[in-house]
Amino acid sequence: MVLGLALAVAAGAYAAARFASPSIVAYVVEETLVQKLPPGTDPVAVRARFHTMLHGHPGSAARLERLMEIAQVLEKSQQLTPSELEHLLAGRM
């Protein structure tokens, strides 16, 4: 009985993590993007463009792939240039 309960809790935790992980990745990438914006860039407008760009990718797998591509670029830069920002928000890399 205890083993069954432990298995049920583990399965529930796995399911919750699997369901929430794309949202967590999107949040982290969005916050990192906003932190690395070029000076004078409106964060509200960038957030809106970021969400529009993400919703342009059908399916969660495509969105997660795009988020990982953006994360790789953000990881390598201290601050984005305006052209880098445009490239990231344009859609496909």
PDB file of N, CA and C in Angstrom:
ATOM      1  N   MET A   1       0.822  -1.188   0.000  1.00  0.00           N
ATOM      2  CA  MET A   1       0.000   0.000   0.000  1.00  0.00           C
ATOM      3  C   MET A   1       0.875   1.264   0.000  1.00  0.00           C
ATOM      4  N   VAL A   2       1.918   1.257   0.803  1.00  0.00           N
ATOM      5  CA  VAL A   2       2.820   2.403   0.877  1.00  0.00           C
ATOM      6  C   VAL A   2       3.551   2.576  -0.457  1.00  0.00           C
ATOM      7  N   LEU A   3       3.969   1.487  -1.052  1.00  0.00           N
ATOM      8  CA  LEU A   3       4.641   1.539  -2.343  1.00  0.00           C
ATOM      9  C   LEU A   3       3.708   2.100  -3.414  1.00  0.00           C
ATOM     10  N   GLY A   4       2.452   1.685  -3.384  1.00  0.00           N
ATOM     11  CA  GLY A   4       1.462   2.202  -4.333  1.00  0.00           C
ATOM     12  C   GLY A   4       1.247   3.699  -4.156  1.00  0.00           C
ATOM     13  N   LEU A   5       1.196   4.146  -2.918  1.00  0.00           N
ATOM     14  CA  LEU A   5       1.022   5.577  -2.635  1.00  0.00           C
ATOM     15  C   LEU A   5       2.240   6.369  -3.117  1.00  0.00           C
ATOM     16  N   ALA A   6       3.436   5.824  -2.850  1.00  0.00           N
ATOM     17  CA  ALA A   6       4.658   6.497  -3.303  1.00  0.00           C
ATOM     18  C   ALA A   6       4.710   6.567  -4.827  1.00  0.00           C
ATOM     19  N   LEU A   7       4.300   5.507  -5.476  1.00  0.00           N
ATOM     20  CA  LEU A   7       4.261   5.479  -6.936  1.00  0.00           C
ATOM     21  C   LEU A   7       3.247   6.492  -7.484  1.00  0.00           C
ATOM     22  N   ALA A   8       2.109   6.600  -6.832  1.00  0.00           N
ATOM     23  CA  ALA A   8       1.087   7.565  -7.253  1.00  0.00           C
ATOM     24  C   ALA A   8       1.580   8.995  -7.079  1.00  0.00           C
ATOM     25  N   VAL A   9       2.256   9.276  -5.983  1.00  0.00           N
ATOM     26  CA  VAL A   9       2.797  10.620  -5.750  1.00  0.00           C
ATOM     27  C   VAL A   9       3.872  10.933  -6.790  1.00  0.00           C
ATOM     28  N   ALA A  10       4.743   9.967  -7.069  1.00  0.00           N
ATOM     29  CA  ALA A  10       5.792  10.181  -8.066  1.00  0.00           C
ATOM     30  C   ALA A  10       5.193  10.414  -9.451  1.00  0.00           C
ATOM     31  N   ALA A  11       4.181   9.650  -9.808  1.00  0.00           N
ATOM     32  CA  ALA A  11       3.523   9.823 -11.110  1.00  0.00           C
ATOM     33  C   ALA A  11       2.851  11.187 -11.194  1.00  0.00           C
ATOM     34  N   GLY A  12       2.235  11.612 -10.116  1.00  0.00           N
ATOM     35  CA  GLY A  12       1.605  12.935 -10.088  1.00  0.00           C
ATOM     36  C   GLY A  12       2.620  14.050 -10.224  1.00  0.00           C
ATOM     37  N   ALA A  13       3.755  13.921  -9.542  1.00  0.00           N
ATOM     38  CA  ALA A  13       4.805  14.937  -9.636  1.00  0.00           C
ATOM     39  C   ALA A  13       5.379  14.987 -11.045  1.00  0.00           C
ATOM     40  N   TYR A  14       5.570  13.820 -11.646  1.00  0.00           N
ATOM     41  CA  TYR A  14       6.092  13.762 -13.012  1.00  0.00           C
ATOM     42  C   TYR A  14       5.119  14.429 -13.988  1.00  0.00           C
ATOM     43  N   ALA A  15       3.838  14.104 -13.842  1.00  0.00           N
ATOM     44  CA  ALA A  15       2.831  14.684 -14.736  1.00  0.00           C
ATOM     45  C   ALA A  15       2.757  16.199 -14.578  1.00  0.00           C
ATOM     46  N   ALA A  16       2.822  16.668 -13.350  1.00  0.00           N
ATOM     47  CA  ALA A  16       2.774  18.114 -13.107  1.00  0.00           C
ATOM     48  C   ALA A  16       3.998  18.807 -13.695  1.00  0.00           C
ATOM     49  N   ALA A  17       5.161  18.211 -13.520  1.00  0.00           N
ATOM     50  CA  ALA A  17       6.383  18.812 -14.061  1.00  0.00           C
ATOM     51  C   ALA A  17       6.364  18.810 -15.586  1.00  0.00           C
ATOM     52  N   ARG A  18       5.890  17.733 -16.159  1.00  0.00           N
ATOM     53  CA  ARG A  18       5.828  17.643 -17.625  1.00  0.00           C
ATOM     54  C   ARG A  18       4.846  18.668 -18.186  1.00  0.00           C
ATOM     55  N   PHE A  19       3.749  18.886 -17.496  1.00  0.00           N
ATOM     56  CA  PHE A  19       2.743  19.848 -17.942  1.00  0.00           C
ATOM     57  C   PHE A  19       3.234  21.284 -17.768  1.00  0.00           C
ATOM     58  N   ALA A  20       3.928  21.563 -16.671  1.00  0.00           N
ATOM     59  CA  ALA A  20       4.322  22.936 -16.348  1.00  0.00           C
ATOM     60  C   ALA A  20       5.648  23.353 -16.964  1.00  0.00           C
ATOM     61  N   SER A  21       6.475  22.423 -17.384  1.00  0.00           N
ATOM     62  CA  SER A  21       7.823  22.778 -17.834  1.00  0.00           C
ATOM     63  C   SER A  21       7.849  23.749 -19.018  1.00  0.00           C
ATOM     64  N   PRO A  22       7.004  23.605 -20.050  1.00  0.00           N
ATOM     65  CA  PRO A  22       7.047  24.617 -21.114  1.00  0.00           C
ATOM     66  C   PRO A  22       6.703  26.028 -20.610  1.00  0.00           C
ATOM     67  N   SER A  23       5.794  26.120 -19.673  1.00  0.00           N
ATOM     68  CA  SER A  23       5.436  27.430 -19.112  1.00  0.00           C
ATOM     69  C   SER A  23       6.598  28.021 -18.323  1.00  0.00           C
ATOM     70  N   ILE A  24       7.291  27.177 -17.587  1.00  0.00           N
ATOM     71  CA  ILE A  24       8.433  27.643 -16.805  1.00  0.00           C
ATOM     72  C   ILE A  24       9.551  28.097 -17.731  1.00  0.00           C
ATOM     73  N   VAL A  25       9.825  27.331 -18.768  1.00  0.00           N
ATOM     74  CA  VAL A  25      10.862  27.704 -19.737  1.00  0.00           C
ATOM     75  C   VAL A  25      10.494  29.029 -20.405  1.00  0.00           C
ATOM     76  N   ALA A  26       9.236  29.187 -20.801  1.00  0.00           N
ATOM     77  CA  ALA A  26       8.795  30.431 -21.441  1.00  0.00           C
ATOM     78  C   ALA A  26       8.983  31.617 -20.503  1.00  0.00           C
ATOM     79  N   TYR A  27       8.647  31.449 -19.245  1.00  0.00           N
ATOM     80  CA  TYR A  27       8.791  32.526 -18.266  1.00  0.00           C
ATOM     81  C   TYR A  27      10.259  32.922 -18.106  1.00  0.00           C
ATOM     82  N   VAL A  28      11.133  31.935 -17.956  1.00  0.00           N
ATOM     83  CA  VAL A  28      12.559  32.212 -17.747  1.00  0.00           C
ATOM     84  C   VAL A  28      13.156  32.890 -18.975  1.00  0.00           C
ATOM     85  N   VAL A  29      12.830  32.408 -20.159  1.00  0.00           N
ATOM     86  CA  VAL A  29      13.357  33.008 -21.383  1.00  0.00           C
ATOM     87  C   VAL A  29      12.835  34.443 -21.535  1.00  0.00           C
ATOM     88  N   GLU A  30      11.568  34.650 -21.262  1.00  0.00           N
ATOM     89  CA  GLU A  30      10.998  36.004 -21.364  1.00  0.00           C
ATOM     90  C   GLU A  30      11.685  36.963 -20.395  1.00  0.00           C
ATOM     91  N   GLU A  31      11.868  36.551 -19.163  1.00  0.00           N
ATOM     92  CA  GLU A  31      12.513  37.427 -18.175  1.00  0.00           C
ATOM     93  C   GLU A  31      13.965  37.710 -18.549  1.00  0.00           C
ATOM     94  N   THR A  32      14.666  36.711 -19.048  1.00  0.00           N
ATOM     95  CA  THR A  32      16.055  36.902 -19.474  1.00  0.00           C
ATOM     96  C   THR A  32      16.115  37.855 -20.663  1.00  0.00           C
ATOM     97  N   LEU A  33      15.184  37.696 -21.594  1.00  0.00           N
ATOM     98  CA  LEU A  33      15.117  38.590 -22.752  1.00  0.00           C
ATOM     99  C   LEU A  33      14.921  40.034 -22.302  1.00  0.00           C
ATOM    100  N   VAL A  34      14.009  40.253 -21.377  1.00  0.00           N
ATOM    101  CA  VAL A  34      13.736  41.609 -20.893  1.00  0.00           C
ATOM    102  C   VAL A  34      14.958  42.179 -20.164  1.00  0.00           C
ATOM    103  N   GLN A  35      15.674  41.342 -19.424  1.00  0.00           N
ATOM    104  CA  GLN A  35      16.872  41.821 -18.717  1.00  0.00           C
ATOM    105  C   GLN A  35      17.979  42.236 -19.672  1.00  0.00           C
ATOM    106  N   LYS A  36      18.022  41.648 -20.856  1.00  0.00           N
ATOM    107  CA  LYS A  36      19.105  41.914 -21.792  1.00  0.00           C
ATOM    108  C   LYS A  36      18.699  42.843 -22.933  1.00  0.00           C
ATOM    109  N   LEU A  37      17.602  43.557 -22.769  1.00  0.00           N
ATOM    110  CA  LEU A  37      17.143  44.479 -23.809  1.00  0.00           C
ATOM    111  C   LEU A  37      18.132  45.611 -24.015  1.00  0.00           C
ATOM    112  N   PRO A  38      18.207  46.107 -25.248  1.00  0.00           N
ATOM    113  CA  PRO A  38      19.032  47.299 -25.495  1.00  0.00           C
ATOM    114  C   PRO A  38      18.461  48.486 -24.721  1.00  0.00           C
ATOM    115  N   PRO A  39      19.313  49.424 -24.340  1.00  0.00           N
ATOM    116  CA  PRO A  39      18.822  50.602 -23.616  1.00  0.00           C
ATOM    117  C   PRO A  39      17.748  51.342 -24.412  1.00  0.00           C
ATOM    118  N   GLY A  40      16.734  51.797 -23.707  1.00  0.00           N
ATOM    119  CA  GLY A  40      15.667  52.568 -24.327  1.00  0.00           C
ATOM    120  C   GLY A  40      14.569  51.741 -24.970  1.00  0.00           C
ATOM    121  N   THR A  41      14.637  50.422 -24.856  1.00  0.00           N
ATOM    122  CA  THR A  41      13.622  49.551 -25.451  1.00  0.00           C
ATOM    123  C   THR A  41      12.478  49.367 -24.464  1.00  0.00           C
ATOM    124  N   ASP A  42      11.254  49.432 -24.972  1.00  0.00           N
ATOM    125  CA  ASP A  42      10.067  49.289 -24.132  1.00  0.00           C
ATOM    126  C   ASP A  42       9.825  47.811 -23.802  1.00  0.00           C
ATOM    127  N   PRO A  43       9.967  47.421 -22.536  1.00  0.00           N
ATOM    128  CA  PRO A  43       9.780  46.018 -22.164  1.00  0.00           C
ATOM    129  C   PRO A  43       8.358  45.513 -22.400  1.00  0.00           C
ATOM    130  N   VAL A  44       7.372  46.369 -22.259  1.00  0.00           N
ATOM    131  CA  VAL A  44       5.980  45.953 -22.465  1.00  0.00           C
ATOM    132  C   VAL A  44       5.759  45.573 -23.930  1.00  0.00           C
ATOM    133  N   ALA A  45       6.296  46.380 -24.825  1.00  0.00           N
ATOM    134  CA  ALA A  45       6.158  46.077 -26.258  1.00  0.00           C
ATOM    135  C   ALA A  45       6.908  44.798 -26.620  1.00  0.00           C
ATOM    136  N   VAL A  46       8.080  44.592 -26.031  1.00  0.00           N
ATOM    137  CA  VAL A  46       8.864  43.389 -26.311  1.00  0.00           C
ATOM    138  C   VAL A  46       8.128  42.155 -25.781  1.00  0.00           C
ATOM    139  N   ARG A  47       7.543  42.259 -24.596  1.00  0.00           N
ATOM    140  CA  ARG A  47       6.778  41.127 -24.048  1.00  0.00           C
ATOM    141  C   ARG A  47       5.603  40.773 -24.969  1.00  0.00           C
ATOM    142  N   ALA A  48       4.927  41.783 -25.486  1.00  0.00           N
ATOM    143  CA  ALA A  48       3.798  41.535 -26.389  1.00  0.00           C
ATOM    144  C   ALA A  48       4.277  40.858 -27.671  1.00  0.00           C
ATOM    145  N   ARG A  49       5.379  41.341 -28.229  1.00  0.00           N
ATOM    146  CA  ARG A  49       5.923  40.714 -29.442  1.00  0.00           C
ATOM    147  C   ARG A  49       6.409  39.297 -29.170  1.00  0.00           C
ATOM    148  N   PHE A  50       6.986  39.079 -27.998  1.00  0.00           N
ATOM    149  CA  PHE A  50       7.464  37.751 -27.614  1.00  0.00           C
ATOM    150  C   PHE A  50       6.301  36.764 -27.573  1.00  0.00           C
ATOM    151  N   HIS A  51       5.196  37.159 -26.944  1.00  0.00           N
ATOM    152  CA  HIS A  51       4.026  36.277 -26.854  1.00  0.00           C
ATOM    153  C   HIS A  51       3.400  36.043 -28.228  1.00  0.00           C
ATOM    154  N   THR A  52       3.352  37.077 -29.055  1.00  0.00           N
ATOM    155  CA  THR A  52       2.827  36.931 -30.409  1.00  0.00           C
ATOM    156  C   THR A  52       3.689  35.966 -31.215  1.00  0.00           C
ATOM    157  N   MET A  53       5.007  36.115 -31.102  1.00  0.00           N
ATOM    158  CA  MET A  53       5.926  35.230 -31.810  1.00  0.00           C
ATOM    159  C   MET A  53       5.755  33.785 -31.342  1.00  0.00           C
ATOM    160  N   LEU A  54       5.625  33.586 -30.039  1.00  0.00           N
ATOM    161  CA  LEU A  54       5.463  32.224 -29.514  1.00  0.00           C
ATOM    162  C   LEU A  54       4.171  31.579 -29.993  1.00  0.00           C
ATOM    163  N   HIS A  55       3.095  32.342 -29.985  1.00  0.00           N
ATOM    164  CA  HIS A  55       1.805  31.778 -30.397  1.00  0.00           C
ATOM    165  C   HIS A  55       1.744  31.530 -31.903  1.00  0.00           C
ATOM    166  N   GLY A  56       2.710  32.051 -32.628  1.00  0.00           N
ATOM    167  CA  GLY A  56       2.786  31.788 -34.060  1.00  0.00           C
ATOM    168  C   GLY A  56       3.343  30.405 -34.378  1.00  0.00           C
ATOM    169  N   HIS A  57       3.868  29.732 -33.367  1.00  0.00           N
ATOM    170  CA  HIS A  57       4.403  28.379 -33.551  1.00  0.00           C
ATOM    171  C   HIS A  57       3.360  27.370 -33.104  1.00  0.00           C
ATOM    172  N   PRO A  58       2.824  26.593 -34.043  1.00  0.00           N
ATOM    173  CA  PRO A  58       1.791  25.628 -33.685  1.00  0.00           C
ATOM    174  C   PRO A  58       2.379  24.464 -32.885  1.00  0.00           C
ATOM    175  N   GLY A  59       1.715  24.111 -31.832  1.00  0.00           N
ATOM    176  CA  GLY A  59       2.133  22.970 -31.026  1.00  0.00           C
ATOM    177  C   GLY A  59       3.168  23.330 -29.984  1.00  0.00           C
ATOM    178  N   SER A  60       3.082  22.662 -28.865  1.00  0.00           N
ATOM    179  CA  SER A  60       3.984  22.969 -27.759  1.00  0.00           C
ATOM    180  C   SER A  60       5.421  22.537 -28.056  1.00  0.00           C
ATOM    181  N   ALA A  61       5.596  21.508 -28.855  1.00  0.00           N
ATOM    182  CA  ALA A  61       6.956  21.065 -29.187  1.00  0.00           C
ATOM    183  C   ALA A  61       7.691  22.130 -30.006  1.00  0.00           C
ATOM    184  N   ALA A  62       7.006  22.741 -30.956  1.00  0.00           N
ATOM    185  CA  ALA A  62       7.620  23.795 -31.771  1.00  0.00           C
ATOM    186  C   ALA A  62       7.919  25.024 -30.922  1.00  0.00           C
ATOM    187  N   ARG A  63       7.010  25.362 -30.006  1.00  0.00           N
ATOM    188  CA  ARG A  63       7.235  26.501 -29.114  1.00  0.00           C
ATOM    189  C   ARG A  63       8.442  26.245 -28.218  1.00  0.00           C
ATOM    190  N   LEU A  64       8.529  25.049 -27.658  1.00  0.00           N
ATOM    191  CA  LEU A  64       9.637  24.714 -26.769  1.00  0.00           C
ATOM    192  C   LEU A  64      10.964  24.730 -27.533  1.00  0.00           C
ATOM    193  N   GLU A  65      10.956  24.245 -28.755  1.00  0.00           N
ATOM    194  CA  GLU A  65      12.170  24.275 -29.583  1.00  0.00           C
ATOM    195  C   GLU A  65      12.607  25.719 -29.832  1.00  0.00           C
ATOM    196  N   ARG A  66      11.656  26.586 -30.151  1.00  0.00           N
ATOM    197  CA  ARG A  66      11.968  28.003 -30.394  1.00  0.00           C
ATOM    198  C   ARG A  66      12.500  28.663 -29.125  1.00  0.00           C
ATOM    199  N   LEU A  67      11.899  28.340 -27.988  1.00  0.00           N
ATOM    200  CA  LEU A  67      12.367  28.896 -26.720  1.00  0.00           C
ATOM    201  C   LEU A  67      13.807  28.474 -26.434  1.00  0.00           C
ATOM    202  N   MET A  68      14.127  27.238 -26.732  1.00  0.00           N
ATOM    203  CA  MET A  68      15.485  26.758 -26.496  1.00  0.00           C
ATOM    204  C   MET A  68      16.475  27.455 -27.436  1.00  0.00           C
ATOM    205  N   GLU A  69      16.068  27.737 -28.664  1.00  0.00           N
ATOM    206  CA  GLU A  69      16.926  28.480 -29.600  1.00  0.00           C
ATOM    207  C   GLU A  69      17.203  29.883 -29.070  1.00  0.00           C
ATOM    208  N   ILE A  70      16.154  30.540 -28.587  1.00  0.00           N
ATOM    209  CA  ILE A  70      16.315  31.893 -28.029  1.00  0.00           C
ATOM    210  C   ILE A  70      17.201  31.849 -26.791  1.00  0.00           C
ATOM    211  N   ALA A  71      17.003  30.851 -25.946  1.00  0.00           N
ATOM    212  CA  ALA A  71      17.794  30.728 -24.721  1.00  0.00           C
ATOM    213  C   ALA A  71      19.274  30.578 -25.033  1.00  0.00           C
ATOM    214  N   GLN A  72      19.592  29.843 -26.084  1.00  0.00           N
ATOM    215  CA  GLN A  72      20.997  29.675 -26.463  1.00  0.00           C
ATOM    216  C   GLN A  72      21.626  31.000 -26.869  1.00  0.00           C
ATOM    217  N   VAL A  73      20.881  31.813 -27.598  1.00  0.00           N
ATOM    218  CA  VAL A  73      21.401  33.126 -28.004  1.00  0.00           C
ATOM    219  C   VAL A  73      21.557  34.031 -26.785  1.00  0.00           C
ATOM    220  N   LEU A  74      20.558  34.022 -25.909  1.00  0.00           N
ATOM    221  CA  LEU A  74      20.607  34.872 -24.724  1.00  0.00           C
ATOM    222  C   LEU A  74      21.737  34.481 -23.778  1.00  0.00           C
ATOM    223  N   GLU A  75      22.032  33.201 -23.738  1.00  0.00           N
ATOM    224  CA  GLU A  75      23.084  32.705 -22.857  1.00  0.00           C
ATOM    225  C   GLU A  75      24.450  33.267 -23.255  1.00  0.00           C
ATOM    226  N   LYS A  76      24.634  33.535 -24.530  1.00  0.00           N
ATOM    227  CA  LYS A  76      25.933  33.965 -25.037  1.00  0.00           C
ATOM    228  C   LYS A  76      26.123  35.479 -25.032  1.00  0.00           C
ATOM    229  N   SER A  77      25.101  36.230 -24.662  1.00  0.00           N
ATOM    230  CA  SER A  77      25.221  37.679 -24.778  1.00  0.00           C
ATOM    231  C   SER A  77      24.956  38.376 -23.452  1.00  0.00           C
ATOM    232  N   GLN A  78      25.702  39.438 -23.210  1.00  0.00           N
ATOM    233  CA  GLN A  78      25.501  40.239 -22.006  1.00  0.00           C
ATOM    234  C   GLN A  78      24.321  41.194 -22.191  1.00  0.00           C
ATOM    235  N   GLN A  79      24.247  41.791 -23.377  1.00  0.00           N
ATOM    236  CA  GLN A  79      23.159  42.704 -23.715  1.00  0.00           C
ATOM    237  C   GLN A  79      22.914  42.593 -25.215  1.00  0.00           C
ATOM    238  N   LEU A  80      21.652  42.593 -25.590  1.00  0.00           N
ATOM    239  CA  LEU A  80      21.287  42.455 -26.998  1.00  0.00           C
ATOM    240  C   LEU A  80      21.431  43.777 -27.727  1.00  0.00           C
ATOM    241  N   THR A  81      21.781  43.690 -28.989  1.00  0.00           N
ATOM    242  CA  THR A  81      21.730  44.866 -29.855  1.00  0.00           C
ATOM    243  C   THR A  81      20.320  44.924 -30.438  1.00  0.00           C
ATOM    244  N   PRO A  82      19.906  46.076 -30.960  1.00  0.00           N
ATOM    245  CA  PRO A  82      18.582  46.147 -31.583  1.00  0.00           C
ATOM    246  C   PRO A  82      18.405  45.131 -32.713  1.00  0.00           C
ATOM    247  N   SER A  83      19.443  44.888 -33.500  1.00  0.00           N
ATOM    248  CA  SER A  83      19.310  43.921 -34.593  1.00  0.00           C
ATOM    249  C   SER A  83      19.183  42.492 -34.064  1.00  0.00           C
ATOM    250  N   GLU A  84      19.891  42.159 -33.003  1.00  0.00           N
ATOM    251  CA  GLU A  84      19.760  40.829 -32.393  1.00  0.00           C
ATOM    252  C   GLU A  84      18.355  40.628 -31.833  1.00  0.00           C
ATOM    253  N   LEU A  85      17.834  41.673 -31.208  1.00  0.00           N
ATOM    254  CA  LEU A  85      16.477  41.595 -30.663  1.00  0.00           C
ATOM    255  C   LEU A  85      15.466  41.360 -31.773  1.00  0.00           C
ATOM    256  N   GLU A  86      15.593  42.095 -32.859  1.00  0.00           N
ATOM    257  CA  GLU A  86      14.687  41.913 -33.993  1.00  0.00           C
ATOM    258  C   GLU A  86      14.787  40.501 -34.555  1.00  0.00           C
ATOM    259  N   HIS A  87      16.005  40.018 -34.626  1.00  0.00           N
ATOM    260  CA  HIS A  87      16.222  38.655 -35.152  1.00  0.00           C
ATOM    261  C   HIS A  87      15.559  37.621 -34.247  1.00  0.00           C
ATOM    262  N   LEU A  88      15.662  37.778 -32.946  1.00  0.00           N
ATOM    263  CA  LEU A  88      15.061  36.835 -32.007  1.00  0.00           C
ATOM    264  C   LEU A  88      13.531  36.853 -32.073  1.00  0.00           C
ATOM    265  N   LEU A  89      12.967  38.031 -32.233  1.00  0.00           N
ATOM    266  CA  LEU A  89      11.518  38.167 -32.217  1.00  0.00           C
ATOM    267  C   LEU A  89      10.892  37.981 -33.597  1.00  0.00           C
ATOM    268  N   ALA A  90      11.719  37.796 -34.618  1.00  0.00           N
ATOM    269  CA  ALA A  90      11.204  37.685 -35.981  1.00  0.00           C
ATOM    270  C   ALA A  90      10.469  36.366 -36.245  1.00  0.00           C
ATOM    271  N   GLY A  91      10.794  35.358 -35.512  1.00  0.00           N
ATOM    272  CA  GLY A  91      10.141  34.078 -35.767  1.00  0.00           C
ATOM    273  C   GLY A  91      11.148  32.967 -35.823  1.00  0.00           C
ATOM    274  N   ARG A  92      11.510  32.551 -37.001  1.00  0.00           N
ATOM    275  CA  ARG A  92      12.449  31.435 -37.187  1.00  0.00           C
ATOM    276  C   ARG A  92      13.870  31.956 -37.214  1.00  0.00           C
ATOM    277  N   MET A  93      14.807  31.175 -36.682  1.00  0.00           N
ATOM    278  CA  MET A  93      16.226  31.570 -36.679  1.00  0.00           C
ATOM    279  C   MET A  93      16.925  30.948 -37.863  1.00  0.00           C
TER     280      MET A  93
END
